[in-house]
Amino acid sequence: MHRLNGISELMALADYCTKYNLKTELISKEEHDALIDPGNEHGAWVLRRDGGIRLKTTSQSGEVVFSLRIEDNIWDGYAEHVADWHRFAENSKALFQIPSKTETNWFV
């Protein structure tokens, strides 16, 4: 069992799922808990946790590959990061805008 420790790891997971055409969906705590072996020490810890986001990842054939719980702050940070990239994609020239002559006093 692996714990996601930050936005970069969640982004890597998203890339992995895209690369291997895995389907990922949000699931309830109850559905996630049913996938955990209570005899697994790390799994038992997850069973006791409230909050967070729970994901289930399945193959194209529908077989569950893995499920995991993500802390709210990591999920929220990822969502903000993705939203920033969508805004950037809508106006990608914004990165290269040159300040007007009246805005150049910050160069001095």
Protein backbone atom coordinates (compact mmCIF):
# COMPACT_ATOMS: atom_id res chain seq x y z
CA MET A 1 0.00 0.00 0.00
CA HIS A 2 1.33 3.43 -0.91
CA ARG A 3 0.37 6.79 0.48
CA LEU A 4 0.23 9.77 -1.84
CA ASN A 5 2.33 12.48 -0.25
CA GLY A 6 1.64 15.41 -2.51
CA ILE A 7 0.20 16.89 -5.65
CA SER A 8 3.13 15.69 -7.78
CA GLU A 9 2.42 12.07 -6.86
CA LEU A 10 -1.27 12.53 -7.65
CA MET A 11 -0.30 14.03 -11.01
CA ALA A 12 1.98 11.04 -11.68
CA LEU A 13 -0.91 8.72 -10.84
CA ALA A 14 -3.16 10.59 -13.28
CA ASP A 15 -0.48 10.25 -15.98
CA TYR A 16 -0.14 6.52 -15.25
CA CYS A 17 -3.89 5.97 -15.49
CA THR A 18 -4.01 7.90 -18.77
CA LYS A 19 -1.02 6.03 -20.21
CA TYR A 20 -2.51 2.61 -19.42
CA ASN A 21 -6.10 3.61 -20.19
CA LEU A 22 -7.33 2.88 -16.66
CA LYS A 23 -10.72 4.14 -15.53
CA THR A 24 -10.75 6.06 -12.26
CA GLU A 25 -13.88 6.99 -10.36
CA LEU A 26 -14.80 8.52 -7.02
CA ILE A 27 -16.33 5.99 -4.65
CA SER A 28 -17.96 6.16 -1.22
CA LYS A 29 -16.16 5.34 2.01
CA GLU A 30 -18.35 2.24 2.34
CA GLU A 31 -17.42 0.96 -1.13
CA HIS A 32 -13.75 1.68 -0.47
CA ASP A 33 -13.84 -0.01 2.94
CA ALA A 34 -15.31 -3.15 1.34
CA LEU A 35 -12.20 -3.41 -0.88
CA ILE A 36 -9.80 -3.39 2.10
CA ASP A 37 -8.62 -6.54 3.85
CA PRO A 38 -9.18 -5.72 7.56
CA GLY A 39 -6.27 -8.03 8.44
CA ASN A 40 -3.89 -5.69 6.63
CA GLU A 41 -2.41 -3.33 9.24
CA HIS A 42 -2.19 -0.40 6.82
CA GLY A 43 -5.66 -1.13 5.51
CA ALA A 44 -7.06 -1.14 9.04
CA TRP A 45 -5.69 2.39 9.48
CA VAL A 46 -7.58 3.52 6.37
CA LEU A 47 -10.77 1.88 7.65
CA ARG A 48 -10.63 4.12 10.73
CA ARG A 49 -10.17 7.33 8.73
CA ASP A 50 -13.02 9.70 7.92
CA GLY A 51 -12.89 12.40 5.30
CA GLY A 52 -10.73 12.40 2.25
CA ILE A 53 -11.44 11.36 -1.30
CA ARG A 54 -11.62 7.72 -2.30
CA LEU A 55 -10.78 6.52 -5.80
CA LYS A 56 -11.22 3.17 -7.48
CA THR A 57 -9.18 2.39 -10.58
CA THR A 58 -10.27 -0.36 -12.95
CA SER A 59 -8.86 -1.93 -16.09
CA GLN A 60 -10.66 -1.84 -19.42
CA SER A 61 -12.14 -5.25 -18.56
CA GLY A 62 -13.61 -3.87 -15.32
CA GLU A 63 -11.18 -5.56 -12.92
CA VAL A 64 -10.28 -3.42 -9.90
CA VAL A 65 -6.59 -2.55 -10.16
CA PHE A 66 -6.42 -0.56 -6.93
CA SER A 67 -8.30 1.83 -4.69
CA LEU A 68 -6.94 4.55 -2.48
CA ARG A 69 -7.82 7.34 -0.11
CA ILE A 70 -6.44 10.82 -0.74
CA GLU A 71 -6.29 13.53 1.91
CA ASP A 72 -8.61 16.46 1.21
CA ASN A 73 -5.76 18.99 1.14
CA ILE A 74 -3.88 17.01 -1.54
CA TRP A 75 -7.03 16.59 -3.62
CA ASP A 76 -7.91 20.29 -3.28
CA GLY A 77 -4.37 21.30 -4.25
CA TYR A 78 -4.51 19.02 -7.29
CA ALA A 79 -7.88 20.48 -8.32
CA GLU A 80 -6.50 24.03 -8.03
CA HIS A 81 -3.42 23.05 -10.04
CA VAL A 82 -5.53 21.51 -12.82
CA ALA A 83 -7.83 24.56 -12.86
CA ASP A 84 -4.77 26.83 -13.22
CA TRP A 85 -3.61 24.81 -16.23
CA HIS A 86 -7.07 24.99 -17.80
CA ARG A 87 -7.09 28.77 -17.37
CA PHE A 88 -3.59 28.91 -18.85
CA ALA A 89 -4.66 26.74 -21.81
CA GLU A 90 -7.55 29.11 -22.51
CA ASN A 91 -5.16 32.08 -22.64
CA SER A 92 -1.70 30.62 -23.21
CA LYS A 93 -0.39 33.89 -24.65
CA ALA A 94 -0.79 35.47 -21.19
CA LEU A 95 2.53 33.94 -20.18
CA PHE A 96 4.32 35.93 -22.88
CA GLN A 97 2.55 39.27 -22.62
CA ILE A 98 4.95 42.19 -22.72
CA PRO A 99 4.19 45.06 -20.33
CA SER A 100 3.15 48.35 -21.91
CA LYS A 101 5.47 51.37 -21.79
CA THR A 102 3.59 52.70 -18.76
CA GLU A 103 4.23 49.44 -16.91
CA THR A 104 7.99 49.34 -17.55
CA ASN A 105 8.95 51.38 -14.49
CA TRP A 106 9.32 48.12 -12.55
CA PHE A 107 12.39 47.33 -14.69
CA VAL A 108 14.30 50.25 -13.13
